[in-house]
Amino acid sequence: MCMGADSEGGTVGIGVGRPSSLAGSLYAMARVLPEQRRRGIGNALYEALSEHARGRSLSSLWGRIDEDDEESLRFARNRGFSEVGREHEVMLHVADADVSAEPPPGIELVTLAERPDLIRPVFEVDAEVAPDVPSLEQGHEPTTFERWHAMYLEGPGALPAACVVAVADGEVVGYTGLRRRGSTSPIAENQLTAVRRPWRRRGIATALKREQIARAREAGIEQIFTTNDETNVGMRGVNARLGYRPAPVKILVSGPPSK
């Protein structure tokens, strides 16, 4: 669901609601231009998102707010939302990254563009590993293959040539996904980086992300953003070693639909 709030001068706000793996909750985003705030536009978007959630039998909404955006935080608190976690977004300048290291012994790195036959096995790794990732989503609800496929491999932002898979003796043991922020944008977002439990602590996650950076560079990507929950110490360490640097902290908020 995506809606705009318009005035005679054009669009002044936007609301987005989409399915979430947080059980019973809608991911919701309402944004209003600063000069158009305090006119009821944000509340109208919140009401519409709430109606959308109720129509899907969802009992709560959640979203992200910049740590320093006190006005938006106050808007959320006034409607019953509270902080439930924090995400630490980091950014990498692709041109500055060192991608010269070799993968661990016995690990082959390929992309889904090169090996589309691995799409289903990669999804199975995602389904196995996603519940292990520290996040707000404590009531993790498994995603469907169709939704996963749309997120990683469909639409103008899809980058199968930078979705890297780790293979050992023909078995998929890990992967990392990447998606552009727009069909021609030089900015991309790292999606889940997953390594199966028996294969962890061997340097596979670092190798996957290093290869992803190299493939992103070939695709014309200049910056990569990624987000980790504050408790995901291991992946935050991997990102720091690869050269990612902190961006503003996102506060995760959750609250009820309007009454």
C-alpha atoms as a PDB file:
ATOM      1  CA  MET A   1       0.000   0.000   0.000  1.00  0.00           C
ATOM      2  CA  CYS A   2       1.306   3.440  -0.957  1.00  0.00           C
ATOM      3  CA  MET A   3      -0.617   6.726  -0.754  1.00  0.00           C
ATOM      4  CA  GLY A   4       0.170  10.389  -1.246  1.00  0.00           C
ATOM      5  CA  ALA A   5      -1.174  13.513   0.431  1.00  0.00           C
ATOM      6  CA  ASP A   6      -1.533  16.309  -2.112  1.00  0.00           C
ATOM      7  CA  SER A   7      -2.172  20.025  -2.070  1.00  0.00           C
ATOM      8  CA  GLU A   8      -2.431  22.571  -4.876  1.00  0.00           C
ATOM      9  CA  GLY A   9       1.353  22.778  -4.916  1.00  0.00           C
ATOM     10  CA  GLY A  10       1.869  19.019  -5.313  1.00  0.00           C
ATOM     11  CA  THR A  11       2.553  16.087  -3.000  1.00  0.00           C
ATOM     12  CA  VAL A  12       3.178  17.106   0.602  1.00  0.00           C
ATOM     13  CA  GLY A  13       3.241  13.702   2.279  1.00  0.00           C
ATOM     14  CA  ILE A  14       3.337   9.980   1.665  1.00  0.00           C
ATOM     15  CA  GLY A  15       2.286   6.881   3.550  1.00  0.00           C
ATOM     16  CA  VAL A  16       3.566   3.351   2.916  1.00  0.00           C
ATOM     17  CA  GLY A  17       2.325   0.154   4.509  1.00  0.00           C
ATOM     18  CA  ARG A  18       3.734  -3.235   3.653  1.00  0.00           C
ATOM     19  CA  PRO A  19       3.715  -6.801   4.990  1.00  0.00           C
ATOM     20  CA  SER A  20       6.155  -7.582   7.754  1.00  0.00           C
ATOM     21  CA  SER A  21       7.664 -10.742   9.192  1.00  0.00           C
ATOM     22  CA  LEU A  22       6.773  -9.347  12.621  1.00  0.00           C
ATOM     23  CA  ALA A  23       3.714 -11.433  13.425  1.00  0.00           C
ATOM     24  CA  GLY A  24       0.486  -9.425  13.599  1.00  0.00           C
ATOM     25  CA  SER A  25       2.107  -6.117  12.645  1.00  0.00           C
ATOM     26  CA  LEU A  26       2.198  -3.848   9.593  1.00  0.00           C
ATOM     27  CA  TYR A  27       5.378  -2.012   8.663  1.00  0.00           C
ATOM     28  CA  ALA A  28       4.134   1.571   8.309  1.00  0.00           C
ATOM     29  CA  MET A  29       5.798   4.794   7.242  1.00  0.00           C
ATOM     30  CA  ALA A  30       4.222   8.262   7.191  1.00  0.00           C
ATOM     31  CA  ARG A  31       6.296  11.189   5.935  1.00  0.00           C
ATOM     32  CA  VAL A  32       5.232  14.858   5.646  1.00  0.00           C
ATOM     33  CA  LEU A  33       7.301  17.760   4.347  1.00  0.00           C
ATOM     34  CA  PRO A  34       8.541  19.828   7.325  1.00  0.00           C
ATOM     35  CA  GLU A  35       6.819  23.018   6.148  1.00  0.00           C
ATOM     36  CA  GLN A  36       3.485  21.162   5.829  1.00  0.00           C
ATOM     37  CA  ARG A  37       3.412  19.648   9.323  1.00  0.00           C
ATOM     38  CA  ARG A  38       0.921  20.409  12.120  1.00  0.00           C
ATOM     39  CA  ARG A  39      -1.947  20.596   9.616  1.00  0.00           C
ATOM     40  CA  GLY A  40      -3.385  17.127  10.219  1.00  0.00           C
ATOM     41  CA  ILE A  41      -1.692  15.511   7.214  1.00  0.00           C
ATOM     42  CA  GLY A  42       0.393  13.086   9.248  1.00  0.00           C
ATOM     43  CA  ASN A  43      -2.628  12.061  11.281  1.00  0.00           C
ATOM     44  CA  ALA A  44      -4.650  11.444   8.106  1.00  0.00           C
ATOM     45  CA  LEU A  45      -1.889   9.182   6.812  1.00  0.00           C
ATOM     46  CA  TYR A  46      -1.771   7.368  10.164  1.00  0.00           C
ATOM     47  CA  GLU A  47      -5.544   6.861  10.026  1.00  0.00           C
ATOM     48  CA  ALA A  48      -5.317   5.420   6.507  1.00  0.00           C
ATOM     49  CA  LEU A  49      -2.469   3.089   7.476  1.00  0.00           C
ATOM     50  CA  SER A  50      -4.426   1.990  10.538  1.00  0.00           C
ATOM     51  CA  GLU A  51      -7.434   1.191   8.381  1.00  0.00           C
ATOM     52  CA  HIS A  52      -5.197  -0.830   6.082  1.00  0.00           C
ATOM     53  CA  ALA A  53      -3.819  -2.779   9.066  1.00  0.00           C
ATOM     54  CA  ARG A  54      -7.301  -3.513  10.424  1.00  0.00           C
ATOM     55  CA  GLY A  55      -8.350  -4.705   6.971  1.00  0.00           C
ATOM     56  CA  ARG A  56      -5.555  -7.271   7.149  1.00  0.00           C
ATOM     57  CA  SER A  57      -6.483  -8.277  10.733  1.00  0.00           C
ATOM     58  CA  LEU A  58      -3.210  -6.830  12.073  1.00  0.00           C
ATOM     59  CA  SER A  59      -3.146  -5.522  15.620  1.00  0.00           C
ATOM     60  CA  SER A  60      -0.148  -3.165  15.540  1.00  0.00           C
ATOM     61  CA  LEU A  61       2.068  -0.958  13.375  1.00  0.00           C
ATOM     62  CA  TRP A  62       5.812  -0.467  13.532  1.00  0.00           C
ATOM     63  CA  GLY A  63       8.361   1.719  11.827  1.00  0.00           C
ATOM     64  CA  ARG A  64      11.700   3.525  11.935  1.00  0.00           C
ATOM     65  CA  ILE A  65      12.467   7.108  12.986  1.00  0.00           C
ATOM     66  CA  ASP A  66      15.817   8.900  12.932  1.00  0.00           C
ATOM     67  CA  GLU A  67      17.252   9.246  16.418  1.00  0.00           C
ATOM     68  CA  ASP A  68      17.494  13.040  16.096  1.00  0.00           C
ATOM     69  CA  ASP A  69      13.985  13.538  14.633  1.00  0.00           C
ATOM     70  CA  GLU A  70      12.340  14.639  17.888  1.00  0.00           C
ATOM     71  CA  GLU A  71       9.220  15.967  16.161  1.00  0.00           C
ATOM     72  CA  SER A  72       8.448  12.587  14.555  1.00  0.00           C
ATOM     73  CA  LEU A  73       9.227  10.758  17.783  1.00  0.00           C
ATOM     74  CA  ARG A  74       6.798  13.020  19.635  1.00  0.00           C
ATOM     75  CA  PHE A  75       4.138  12.377  16.942  1.00  0.00           C
ATOM     76  CA  ALA A  76       4.546   8.633  17.446  1.00  0.00           C
ATOM     77  CA  ARG A  77       4.531   8.788  21.262  1.00  0.00           C
ATOM     78  CA  ASN A  78       1.362  10.871  21.245  1.00  0.00           C
ATOM     79  CA  ARG A  79      -0.383   8.011  19.412  1.00  0.00           C
ATOM     80  CA  GLY A  80       0.703   5.286  21.797  1.00  0.00           C
ATOM     81  CA  PHE A  81       3.927   4.185  20.110  1.00  0.00           C
ATOM     82  CA  SER A  82       6.981   3.297  22.157  1.00  0.00           C
ATOM     83  CA  GLU A  83      10.604   2.476  21.432  1.00  0.00           C
ATOM     84  CA  VAL A  84      11.233  -1.255  21.011  1.00  0.00           C
ATOM     85  CA  GLY A  85      14.769  -1.268  19.631  1.00  0.00           C
ATOM     86  CA  ARG A  86      17.446   0.538  17.677  1.00  0.00           C
ATOM     87  CA  GLU A  87      19.095  -0.122  14.332  1.00  0.00           C
ATOM     88  CA  HIS A  88      22.579   1.016  13.426  1.00  0.00           C
ATOM     89  CA  GLU A  89      22.749   1.852   9.724  1.00  0.00           C
ATOM     90  CA  VAL A  90      26.212   1.985   8.205  1.00  0.00           C
ATOM     91  CA  MET A  91      27.431   3.086   4.777  1.00  0.00           C
ATOM     92  CA  LEU A  92      30.303   2.007   2.553  1.00  0.00           C
ATOM     93  CA  HIS A  93      31.967   3.974  -0.247  1.00  0.00           C
ATOM     94  CA  VAL A  94      32.398   1.138  -2.736  1.00  0.00           C
ATOM     95  CA  ALA A  95      35.427   2.661  -4.487  1.00  0.00           C
ATOM     96  CA  ASP A  96      37.377   2.701  -1.206  1.00  0.00           C
ATOM     97  CA  ALA A  97      36.784  -0.948  -0.255  1.00  0.00           C
ATOM     98  CA  ASP A  98      39.470  -3.637  -0.404  1.00  0.00           C
ATOM     99  CA  VAL A  99      38.037  -6.675  -2.211  1.00  0.00           C
ATOM    100  CA  SER A 100      41.290  -8.504  -2.917  1.00  0.00           C
ATOM    101  CA  ALA A 101      41.100 -11.342  -0.357  1.00  0.00           C
ATOM    102  CA  GLU A 102      40.322 -14.923  -1.395  1.00  0.00           C
ATOM    103  CA  PRO A 103      37.323 -16.858   0.017  1.00  0.00           C
ATOM    104  CA  PRO A 104      37.930 -19.564   2.650  1.00  0.00           C
ATOM    105  CA  PRO A 105      39.257 -22.905   1.338  1.00  0.00           C
ATOM    106  CA  GLY A 106      36.571 -25.070  -0.256  1.00  0.00           C
ATOM    107  CA  ILE A 107      34.131 -22.174  -0.745  1.00  0.00           C
ATOM    108  CA  GLU A 108      33.048 -21.120  -4.225  1.00  0.00           C
ATOM    109  CA  LEU A 109      31.359 -17.743  -4.667  1.00  0.00           C
ATOM    110  CA  VAL A 110      28.824 -17.327  -7.483  1.00  0.00           C
ATOM    111  CA  THR A 111      25.875 -15.019  -8.145  1.00  0.00           C
ATOM    112  CA  LEU A 112      22.228 -15.790  -8.749  1.00  0.00           C
ATOM    113  CA  ALA A 113      22.602 -14.231 -12.193  1.00  0.00           C
ATOM    114  CA  GLU A 114      25.224 -16.884 -12.962  1.00  0.00           C
ATOM    115  CA  ARG A 115      23.449 -19.729 -11.171  1.00  0.00           C
ATOM    116  CA  PRO A 116      19.658 -19.222 -11.256  1.00  0.00           C
ATOM    117  CA  ASP A 117      19.324 -22.927 -10.404  1.00  0.00           C
ATOM    118  CA  LEU A 118      20.376 -21.990  -6.858  1.00  0.00           C
ATOM    119  CA  ILE A 119      17.431 -19.657  -6.243  1.00  0.00           C
ATOM    120  CA  ARG A 120      15.323 -22.206  -4.358  1.00  0.00           C
ATOM    121  CA  PRO A 121      18.270 -23.513  -2.236  1.00  0.00           C
ATOM    122  CA  VAL A 122      19.166 -19.903  -1.360  1.00  0.00           C
ATOM    123  CA  PHE A 123      15.607 -19.275  -0.204  1.00  0.00           C
ATOM    124  CA  GLU A 124      15.840 -22.394   1.971  1.00  0.00           C
ATOM    125  CA  VAL A 125      18.983 -20.982   3.619  1.00  0.00           C
ATOM    126  CA  ASP A 126      17.113 -17.713   4.194  1.00  0.00           C
ATOM    127  CA  ALA A 127      14.218 -19.572   5.838  1.00  0.00           C
ATOM    128  CA  GLU A 128      16.645 -21.452   8.096  1.00  0.00           C
ATOM    129  CA  VAL A 129      18.805 -18.499   9.129  1.00  0.00           C
ATOM    130  CA  ALA A 130      16.420 -15.510   9.239  1.00  0.00           C
ATOM    131  CA  PRO A 131      14.998 -16.404  12.696  1.00  0.00           C
ATOM    132  CA  ASP A 132      18.565 -16.261  14.119  1.00  0.00           C
ATOM    133  CA  VAL A 133      19.121 -12.620  13.139  1.00  0.00           C
ATOM    134  CA  PRO A 134      18.777 -10.293  16.160  1.00  0.00           C
ATOM    135  CA  SER A 135      16.019  -7.770  15.454  1.00  0.00           C
ATOM    136  CA  LEU A 136      12.793  -6.210  16.623  1.00  0.00           C
ATOM    137  CA  GLU A 137      10.908  -9.085  15.060  1.00  0.00           C
ATOM    138  CA  GLN A 138      10.752 -11.433  18.034  1.00  0.00           C
ATOM    139  CA  GLY A 139       7.520 -12.941  16.753  1.00  0.00           C
ATOM    140  CA  HIS A 140       9.230 -13.858  13.504  1.00  0.00           C
ATOM    141  CA  GLU A 141       6.797 -15.008  10.852  1.00  0.00           C
ATOM    142  CA  PRO A 142       8.396 -17.021   8.022  1.00  0.00           C
ATOM    143  CA  THR A 143       8.214 -15.366   4.638  1.00  0.00           C
ATOM    144  CA  THR A 144       6.906 -17.133   1.562  1.00  0.00           C
ATOM    145  CA  PHE A 145       9.064 -18.006  -1.436  1.00  0.00           C
ATOM    146  CA  GLU A 146       6.988 -15.632  -3.576  1.00  0.00           C
ATOM    147  CA  ARG A 147       7.558 -12.688  -1.254  1.00  0.00           C
ATOM    148  CA  TRP A 148      11.252 -13.460  -0.884  1.00  0.00           C
ATOM    149  CA  HIS A 149      11.636 -13.769  -4.654  1.00  0.00           C
ATOM    150  CA  ALA A 150       9.932 -10.406  -5.189  1.00  0.00           C
ATOM    151  CA  MET A 151      12.180  -8.738  -2.612  1.00  0.00           C
ATOM    152  CA  TYR A 152      15.453 -10.009  -4.045  1.00  0.00           C
ATOM    153  CA  LEU A 153      14.879 -10.722  -7.728  1.00  0.00           C
ATOM    154  CA  GLU A 154      11.986  -8.642  -9.061  1.00  0.00           C
ATOM    155  CA  GLY A 155      11.370  -4.987  -9.850  1.00  0.00           C
ATOM    156  CA  PRO A 156      13.649  -2.170 -10.993  1.00  0.00           C
ATOM    157  CA  GLY A 157      15.958  -2.389  -7.971  1.00  0.00           C
ATOM    158  CA  ALA A 158      16.740  -6.104  -8.283  1.00  0.00           C
ATOM    159  CA  LEU A 159      20.460  -6.946  -8.601  1.00  0.00           C
ATOM    160  CA  PRO A 160      20.837 -10.714  -9.075  1.00  0.00           C
ATOM    161  CA  ALA A 161      24.357 -10.051 -10.411  1.00  0.00           C
ATOM    162  CA  ALA A 162      25.294  -8.855  -6.899  1.00  0.00           C
ATOM    163  CA  CYS A 163      23.358 -11.483  -4.924  1.00  0.00           C
ATOM    164  CA  VAL A 164      26.294 -13.684  -3.969  1.00  0.00           C
ATOM    165  CA  VAL A 165      26.057 -17.335  -2.945  1.00  0.00           C
ATOM    166  CA  ALA A 166      28.618 -19.446  -1.051  1.00  0.00           C
ATOM    167  CA  VAL A 167      28.752 -23.055  -2.267  1.00  0.00           C
ATOM    168  CA  ALA A 168      30.692 -25.955  -0.680  1.00  0.00           C
ATOM    169  CA  ASP A 169      30.737 -29.305  -2.508  1.00  0.00           C
ATOM    170  CA  GLY A 170      27.558 -28.339  -4.356  1.00  0.00           C
ATOM    171  CA  GLU A 171      25.715 -27.264  -1.181  1.00  0.00           C
ATOM    172  CA  VAL A 172      24.544 -23.673  -0.607  1.00  0.00           C
ATOM    173  CA  VAL A 173      25.949 -22.682   2.790  1.00  0.00           C
ATOM    174  CA  GLY A 174      25.329 -18.924   2.730  1.00  0.00           C
ATOM    175  CA  TYR A 175      24.379 -15.905   0.678  1.00  0.00           C
ATOM    176  CA  THR A 176      24.055 -12.136   0.720  1.00  0.00           C
ATOM    177  CA  GLY A 177      21.578  -9.990  -1.218  1.00  0.00           C
ATOM    178  CA  LEU A 178      21.732  -6.479  -2.644  1.00  0.00           C
ATOM    179  CA  ARG A 179      19.055  -4.164  -4.026  1.00  0.00           C
ATOM    180  CA  ARG A 180      19.329  -0.745  -5.662  1.00  0.00           C
ATOM    181  CA  ARG A 181      17.405   2.172  -4.223  1.00  0.00           C
ATOM    182  CA  GLY A 182      15.800   2.806  -7.620  1.00  0.00           C
ATOM    183  CA  SER A 183      16.319   1.436 -11.108  1.00  0.00           C
ATOM    184  CA  THR A 184      19.338   3.628 -11.950  1.00  0.00           C
ATOM    185  CA  SER A 185      20.436   4.709  -8.483  1.00  0.00           C
ATOM    186  CA  PRO A 186      24.141   4.467  -7.598  1.00  0.00           C
ATOM    187  CA  ILE A 187      23.032   3.607  -4.050  1.00  0.00           C
ATOM    188  CA  ALA A 188      22.111   0.091  -2.942  1.00  0.00           C
ATOM    189  CA  GLU A 189      21.050  -1.648   0.244  1.00  0.00           C
ATOM    190  CA  ASN A 190      22.568  -4.852   1.555  1.00  0.00           C
ATOM    191  CA  GLN A 191      19.780  -7.225   2.490  1.00  0.00           C
ATOM    192  CA  LEU A 192      20.174 -10.329   4.630  1.00  0.00           C
ATOM    193  CA  THR A 193      23.622 -11.906   4.873  1.00  0.00           C
ATOM    194  CA  ALA A 194      23.061 -15.498   5.964  1.00  0.00           C
ATOM    195  CA  VAL A 195      25.386 -18.399   6.754  1.00  0.00           C
ATOM    196  CA  ARG A 196      24.084 -21.798   7.819  1.00  0.00           C
ATOM    197  CA  ARG A 197      24.875 -22.630  11.457  1.00  0.00           C
ATOM    198  CA  PRO A 198      27.447 -25.429  10.873  1.00  0.00           C
ATOM    199  CA  TRP A 199      29.461 -23.129   8.586  1.00  0.00           C
ATOM    200  CA  ARG A 200      29.731 -20.054  10.788  1.00  0.00           C
ATOM    201  CA  ARG A 201      32.952 -18.545  12.177  1.00  0.00           C
ATOM    202  CA  ARG A 202      34.949 -19.536   9.103  1.00  0.00           C
ATOM    203  CA  GLY A 203      35.052 -16.131   7.407  1.00  0.00           C
ATOM    204  CA  ILE A 204      32.261 -16.948   4.959  1.00  0.00           C
ATOM    205  CA  ALA A 205      30.100 -13.917   5.801  1.00  0.00           C
ATOM    206  CA  THR A 206      33.057 -11.575   5.262  1.00  0.00           C
ATOM    207  CA  ALA A 207      33.924 -13.290   1.972  1.00  0.00           C
ATOM    208  CA  LEU A 208      30.319 -13.034   0.773  1.00  0.00           C
ATOM    209  CA  LYS A 209      30.129  -9.330   1.502  1.00  0.00           C
ATOM    210  CA  ARG A 210      33.542  -8.636  -0.008  1.00  0.00           C
ATOM    211  CA  GLU A 211      32.495 -10.368  -3.236  1.00  0.00           C
ATOM    212  CA  GLN A 212      29.197  -8.485  -3.142  1.00  0.00           C
ATOM    213  CA  ILE A 213      31.095  -5.196  -2.986  1.00  0.00           C
ATOM    214  CA  ALA A 214      33.170  -6.206  -6.022  1.00  0.00           C
ATOM    215  CA  ARG A 215      30.032  -7.131  -7.996  1.00  0.00           C
ATOM    216  CA  ALA A 216      28.326  -3.922  -6.917  1.00  0.00           C
ATOM    217  CA  ARG A 217      31.286  -1.922  -8.186  1.00  0.00           C
ATOM    218  CA  GLU A 218      30.943  -3.648 -11.579  1.00  0.00           C
ATOM    219  CA  ALA A 219      27.230  -2.699 -11.600  1.00  0.00           C
ATOM    220  CA  GLY A 220      27.976   0.990 -11.041  1.00  0.00           C
ATOM    221  CA  ILE A 221      27.020   1.108  -7.356  1.00  0.00           C
ATOM    222  CA  GLU A 222      28.869   3.848  -5.469  1.00  0.00           C
ATOM    223  CA  GLN A 223      27.467   3.450  -1.951  1.00  0.00           C
ATOM    224  CA  ILE A 224      26.042   0.504  -0.030  1.00  0.00           C
ATOM    225  CA  PHE A 225      23.927   0.933   3.084  1.00  0.00           C
ATOM    226  CA  THR A 226      23.101  -1.799   5.559  1.00  0.00           C
ATOM    227  CA  THR A 227      21.287  -1.920   8.868  1.00  0.00           C
ATOM    228  CA  ASN A 228      21.888  -4.058  11.945  1.00  0.00           C
ATOM    229  CA  ASP A 229      20.045  -4.262  15.221  1.00  0.00           C
ATOM    230  CA  GLU A 230      22.191  -2.981  18.085  1.00  0.00           C
ATOM    231  CA  THR A 231      22.449  -6.520  19.518  1.00  0.00           C
ATOM    232  CA  ASN A 232      23.851  -8.002  16.277  1.00  0.00           C
ATOM    233  CA  VAL A 233      27.447  -7.553  17.396  1.00  0.00           C
ATOM    234  CA  GLY A 234      28.932 -10.135  15.017  1.00  0.00           C
ATOM    235  CA  MET A 235      27.633  -8.600  11.781  1.00  0.00           C
ATOM    236  CA  ARG A 236      28.381  -5.090  12.976  1.00  0.00           C
ATOM    237  CA  GLY A 237      31.989  -6.221  13.421  1.00  0.00           C
ATOM    238  CA  VAL A 238      32.094  -7.693   9.900  1.00  0.00           C
ATOM    239  CA  ASN A 239      30.795  -4.436   8.439  1.00  0.00           C
ATOM    240  CA  ALA A 240      33.319  -2.349  10.364  1.00  0.00           C
ATOM    241  CA  ARG A 241      36.220  -4.477   9.093  1.00  0.00           C
ATOM    242  CA  LEU A 242      34.996  -4.029   5.519  1.00  0.00           C
ATOM    243  CA  GLY A 243      35.010  -0.246   5.860  1.00  0.00           C
ATOM    244  CA  TYR A 244      31.382   0.584   6.607  1.00  0.00           C
ATOM    245  CA  ARG A 245      30.975   3.766   8.652  1.00  0.00           C
ATOM    246  CA  PRO A 246      28.068   4.796  10.922  1.00  0.00           C
ATOM    247  CA  ALA A 247      25.035   6.684   9.630  1.00  0.00           C
ATOM    248  CA  PRO A 248      22.297   8.128  11.911  1.00  0.00           C
ATOM    249  CA  VAL A 249      20.760   5.598  14.319  1.00  0.00           C
ATOM    250  CA  LYS A 250      17.174   4.515  13.606  1.00  0.00           C
ATOM    251  CA  ILE A 251      14.765   4.095  16.524  1.00  0.00           C
ATOM    252  CA  LEU A 252      12.254   1.278  16.062  1.00  0.00           C
ATOM    253  CA  VAL A 253       8.787   2.119  17.350  1.00  0.00           C
ATOM    254  CA  SER A 254       5.666  -0.003  17.655  1.00  0.00           C
ATOM    255  CA  GLY A 255       2.137   0.987  18.537  1.00  0.00           C
ATOM    256  CA  PRO A 256      -1.567   0.473  17.969  1.00  0.00           C
ATOM    257  CA  PRO A 257      -3.742   1.412  14.999  1.00  0.00           C
ATOM    258  CA  SER A 258      -5.942   4.455  15.516  1.00  0.00           C
ATOM    259  CA  LYS A 259      -9.255   3.844  17.261  1.00  0.00           C
END
